[in-house]
Amino acid sequence: MDLKKHLYNSLITSTILWSACLHQGKTDPEDDCLLVSPKDIACTKEYQPVCGCNLETYGNECTARAAGVPSWTTGACVL
């Protein structure tokens, strides 16, 4: 009887730990993208799209920065 109880408890504990590990690296991209206050800066209308860390496409780096986006990648966002 004790062996069954021990195996059951081990199974439950392993399942909980495994589940926690699965979700550890999977966060919403917006969780790591803390927008800062928008800045009142002049930007050109040159279209060189960037994908903000909030998964919004901006016309260029300046417009992303002006919107308060702290980081981005080159190119439009692909959803």
N, C-alpha and C. Protein backbone atom coordinates (compact mmCIF):
# COMPACT_ATOMS: atom_id res chain seq x y z
N MET A 1 0.80 -1.18 0.00
CA MET A 1 0.00 0.00 0.00
C MET A 1 0.85 1.26 0.00
N ASP A 2 1.90 1.28 0.78
CA ASP A 2 2.77 2.44 0.85
C ASP A 2 3.46 2.71 -0.48
N LEU A 3 3.79 1.64 -1.20
CA LEU A 3 4.45 1.80 -2.49
C LEU A 3 3.50 2.49 -3.48
N LYS A 4 2.23 2.11 -3.51
CA LYS A 4 1.25 2.74 -4.39
C LYS A 4 1.11 4.23 -4.06
N LYS A 5 1.05 4.53 -2.79
CA LYS A 5 0.89 5.91 -2.34
C LYS A 5 2.12 6.73 -2.74
N HIS A 6 3.29 6.15 -2.56
CA HIS A 6 4.53 6.83 -2.92
C HIS A 6 4.60 7.08 -4.43
N LEU A 7 4.25 6.09 -5.23
CA LEU A 7 4.27 6.24 -6.68
C LEU A 7 3.25 7.29 -7.13
N TYR A 8 2.08 7.29 -6.53
CA TYR A 8 1.06 8.26 -6.87
C TYR A 8 1.54 9.69 -6.56
N ASN A 9 2.11 9.87 -5.37
CA ASN A 9 2.62 11.19 -4.98
C ASN A 9 3.76 11.64 -5.91
N SER A 10 4.61 10.71 -6.30
CA SER A 10 5.71 11.04 -7.22
C SER A 10 5.16 11.45 -8.58
N LEU A 11 4.13 10.76 -9.04
CA LEU A 11 3.52 11.08 -10.32
C LEU A 11 2.90 12.48 -10.28
N ILE A 12 2.19 12.79 -9.23
CA ILE A 12 1.55 14.10 -9.10
C ILE A 12 2.62 15.19 -9.06
N THR A 13 3.64 15.00 -8.26
CA THR A 13 4.72 15.99 -8.13
C THR A 13 5.43 16.19 -9.47
N SER A 14 5.72 15.11 -10.16
CA SER A 14 6.39 15.21 -11.46
C SER A 14 5.53 15.96 -12.47
N THR A 15 4.24 15.70 -12.47
CA THR A 15 3.34 16.37 -13.39
C THR A 15 3.30 17.86 -13.13
N ILE A 16 3.23 18.25 -11.87
CA ILE A 16 3.21 19.67 -11.52
C ILE A 16 4.51 20.35 -11.93
N LEU A 17 5.64 19.74 -11.65
CA LEU A 17 6.93 20.33 -12.02
C LEU A 17 7.08 20.42 -13.52
N TRP A 18 6.67 19.39 -14.25
CA TRP A 18 6.76 19.39 -15.70
C TRP A 18 5.90 20.51 -16.29
N SER A 19 4.69 20.67 -15.75
CA SER A 19 3.80 21.72 -16.22
C SER A 19 4.40 23.10 -15.97
N ALA A 20 4.99 23.29 -14.82
CA ALA A 20 5.62 24.58 -14.51
C ALA A 20 6.76 24.88 -15.47
N CYS A 21 7.54 23.87 -15.81
CA CYS A 21 8.66 24.07 -16.74
C CYS A 21 8.17 24.41 -18.14
N LEU A 22 7.07 23.81 -18.56
CA LEU A 22 6.52 24.09 -19.88
C LEU A 22 6.13 25.55 -20.03
N HIS A 23 5.55 26.12 -19.02
CA HIS A 23 5.05 27.48 -19.09
C HIS A 23 6.08 28.52 -18.73
N GLN A 24 7.22 28.12 -18.23
CA GLN A 24 8.24 29.07 -17.79
C GLN A 24 8.73 29.95 -18.93
N GLY A 25 9.02 29.40 -20.08
CA GLY A 25 9.57 30.17 -21.18
C GLY A 25 8.53 30.77 -22.11
N LYS A 26 7.27 30.48 -21.88
CA LYS A 26 6.22 30.93 -22.79
C LYS A 26 5.42 32.06 -22.16
N THR A 27 5.85 33.26 -22.44
CA THR A 27 5.12 34.40 -21.92
C THR A 27 4.58 35.19 -23.11
N ASP A 28 3.62 35.95 -22.86
CA ASP A 28 3.06 36.83 -23.87
C ASP A 28 4.14 37.84 -24.26
N PRO A 29 4.41 38.05 -25.57
CA PRO A 29 5.46 38.99 -25.96
C PRO A 29 5.27 40.36 -25.36
N GLU A 30 4.04 40.75 -25.14
CA GLU A 30 3.79 42.07 -24.58
C GLU A 30 4.21 42.16 -23.12
N ASP A 31 4.37 41.01 -22.43
CA ASP A 31 4.80 41.04 -21.04
C ASP A 31 6.20 41.61 -20.89
N ASP A 32 7.05 41.38 -21.88
CA ASP A 32 8.42 41.87 -21.83
C ASP A 32 8.56 43.23 -22.50
N CYS A 33 7.49 43.79 -22.94
CA CYS A 33 7.50 45.04 -23.68
C CYS A 33 6.79 46.11 -22.87
N LEU A 34 7.49 46.70 -21.95
CA LEU A 34 6.90 47.75 -21.13
C LEU A 34 7.04 49.07 -21.87
N LEU A 35 5.93 49.54 -22.40
CA LEU A 35 5.95 50.77 -23.16
C LEU A 35 6.28 51.94 -22.25
N VAL A 36 7.09 52.83 -22.75
CA VAL A 36 7.43 54.04 -22.01
C VAL A 36 6.52 55.16 -22.50
N SER A 37 6.58 56.29 -21.86
CA SER A 37 5.74 57.42 -22.26
C SER A 37 6.04 57.81 -23.70
N PRO A 38 5.00 58.05 -24.48
CA PRO A 38 5.23 58.52 -25.85
C PRO A 38 6.04 59.82 -25.83
N LYS A 39 6.87 59.96 -26.84
CA LYS A 39 7.73 61.14 -26.93
C LYS A 39 7.23 62.05 -28.04
N ASP A 40 7.30 63.33 -27.80
CA ASP A 40 6.89 64.31 -28.80
C ASP A 40 8.11 64.64 -29.65
N ILE A 41 8.38 63.77 -30.64
CA ILE A 41 9.53 63.99 -31.51
C ILE A 41 9.06 63.99 -32.97
N ALA A 42 9.78 64.71 -33.80
CA ALA A 42 9.44 64.78 -35.22
C ALA A 42 10.09 63.60 -35.94
N CYS A 43 9.30 62.90 -36.74
CA CYS A 43 9.81 61.76 -37.50
C CYS A 43 9.53 61.96 -38.97
N THR A 44 10.40 61.43 -39.80
CA THR A 44 10.17 61.48 -41.24
C THR A 44 9.09 60.46 -41.60
N LYS A 45 8.55 60.58 -42.78
CA LYS A 45 7.52 59.65 -43.24
C LYS A 45 8.12 58.54 -44.09
N GLU A 46 9.45 58.42 -44.05
CA GLU A 46 10.15 57.36 -44.79
C GLU A 46 9.66 56.01 -44.28
N TYR A 47 9.21 55.15 -45.20
CA TYR A 47 8.66 53.86 -44.81
C TYR A 47 9.75 52.80 -44.78
N GLN A 48 10.19 52.49 -43.59
CA GLN A 48 11.11 51.39 -43.33
C GLN A 48 10.54 50.66 -42.12
N PRO A 49 9.57 49.78 -42.35
CA PRO A 49 8.79 49.21 -41.25
C PRO A 49 9.62 48.46 -40.22
N VAL A 50 9.17 48.58 -38.99
CA VAL A 50 9.75 47.83 -37.88
C VAL A 50 8.60 47.19 -37.11
N CYS A 51 8.90 46.06 -36.49
CA CYS A 51 7.91 45.36 -35.68
C CYS A 51 8.25 45.62 -34.22
N GLY A 52 7.36 46.34 -33.56
CA GLY A 52 7.57 46.65 -32.15
C GLY A 52 7.43 45.41 -31.29
N CYS A 53 8.03 45.46 -30.11
CA CYS A 53 7.95 44.32 -29.19
C CYS A 53 6.50 44.07 -28.76
N ASN A 54 5.61 45.03 -29.00
CA ASN A 54 4.19 44.86 -28.71
C ASN A 54 3.43 44.27 -29.91
N LEU A 55 4.21 43.82 -30.91
CA LEU A 55 3.70 43.17 -32.13
C LEU A 55 2.85 44.10 -32.99
N GLU A 56 3.16 45.39 -32.97
CA GLU A 56 2.53 46.37 -33.86
C GLU A 56 3.58 46.83 -34.86
N THR A 57 3.17 47.02 -36.10
CA THR A 57 4.08 47.50 -37.13
C THR A 57 4.08 49.03 -37.12
N TYR A 58 5.27 49.60 -37.17
CA TYR A 58 5.45 51.06 -37.22
C TYR A 58 6.15 51.41 -38.52
N GLY A 59 5.92 52.62 -39.01
CA GLY A 59 6.48 53.04 -40.28
C GLY A 59 7.99 53.08 -40.32
N ASN A 60 8.61 53.38 -39.19
CA ASN A 60 10.07 53.38 -39.08
C ASN A 60 10.46 53.40 -37.60
N GLU A 61 11.75 53.32 -37.33
CA GLU A 61 12.23 53.28 -35.95
C GLU A 61 11.80 54.51 -35.16
N CYS A 62 11.82 55.66 -35.81
CA CYS A 62 11.47 56.90 -35.13
C CYS A 62 10.02 56.89 -34.66
N THR A 63 9.11 56.42 -35.51
CA THR A 63 7.71 56.40 -35.11
C THR A 63 7.46 55.39 -33.99
N ALA A 64 8.21 54.30 -33.99
CA ALA A 64 8.11 53.33 -32.89
C ALA A 64 8.60 53.97 -31.59
N ARG A 65 9.75 54.64 -31.66
CA ARG A 65 10.30 55.31 -30.49
C ARG A 65 9.34 56.39 -29.98
N ALA A 66 8.75 57.14 -30.92
CA ALA A 66 7.81 58.20 -30.55
C ALA A 66 6.56 57.63 -29.87
N ALA A 67 6.19 56.40 -30.22
CA ALA A 67 5.03 55.76 -29.62
C ALA A 67 5.34 55.17 -28.25
N GLY A 68 6.61 55.19 -27.87
CA GLY A 68 7.00 54.67 -26.55
C GLY A 68 7.41 53.22 -26.56
N VAL A 69 7.67 52.67 -27.74
CA VAL A 69 8.09 51.27 -27.85
C VAL A 69 9.59 51.19 -27.58
N PRO A 70 10.01 50.38 -26.60
CA PRO A 70 11.42 50.33 -26.23
C PRO A 70 12.31 49.48 -27.14
N SER A 71 11.71 48.52 -27.86
CA SER A 71 12.54 47.68 -28.74
C SER A 71 11.71 47.19 -29.91
N TRP A 72 12.39 46.85 -30.99
CA TRP A 72 11.72 46.42 -32.22
C TRP A 72 12.70 45.63 -33.06
N THR A 73 12.16 44.99 -34.10
CA THR A 73 12.98 44.29 -35.09
C THR A 73 12.67 44.88 -36.46
N THR A 74 13.61 44.76 -37.37
CA THR A 74 13.45 45.29 -38.71
C THR A 74 12.37 44.49 -39.45
N GLY A 75 11.53 45.20 -40.18
CA GLY A 75 10.48 44.57 -40.97
C GLY A 75 9.14 44.63 -40.28
N ALA A 76 8.09 44.47 -41.10
CA ALA A 76 6.72 44.49 -40.57
C ALA A 76 6.47 43.25 -39.74
N CYS A 77 5.54 43.37 -38.81
CA CYS A 77 5.16 42.23 -37.97
C CYS A 77 4.41 41.21 -38.81
N VAL A 78 4.66 39.96 -38.56
CA VAL A 78 3.96 38.87 -39.24
C VAL A 78 3.14 38.16 -38.18
N LEU A 79 1.86 38.13 -38.39
CA LEU A 79 0.98 37.49 -37.38
C LEU A 79 0.49 36.18 -37.85
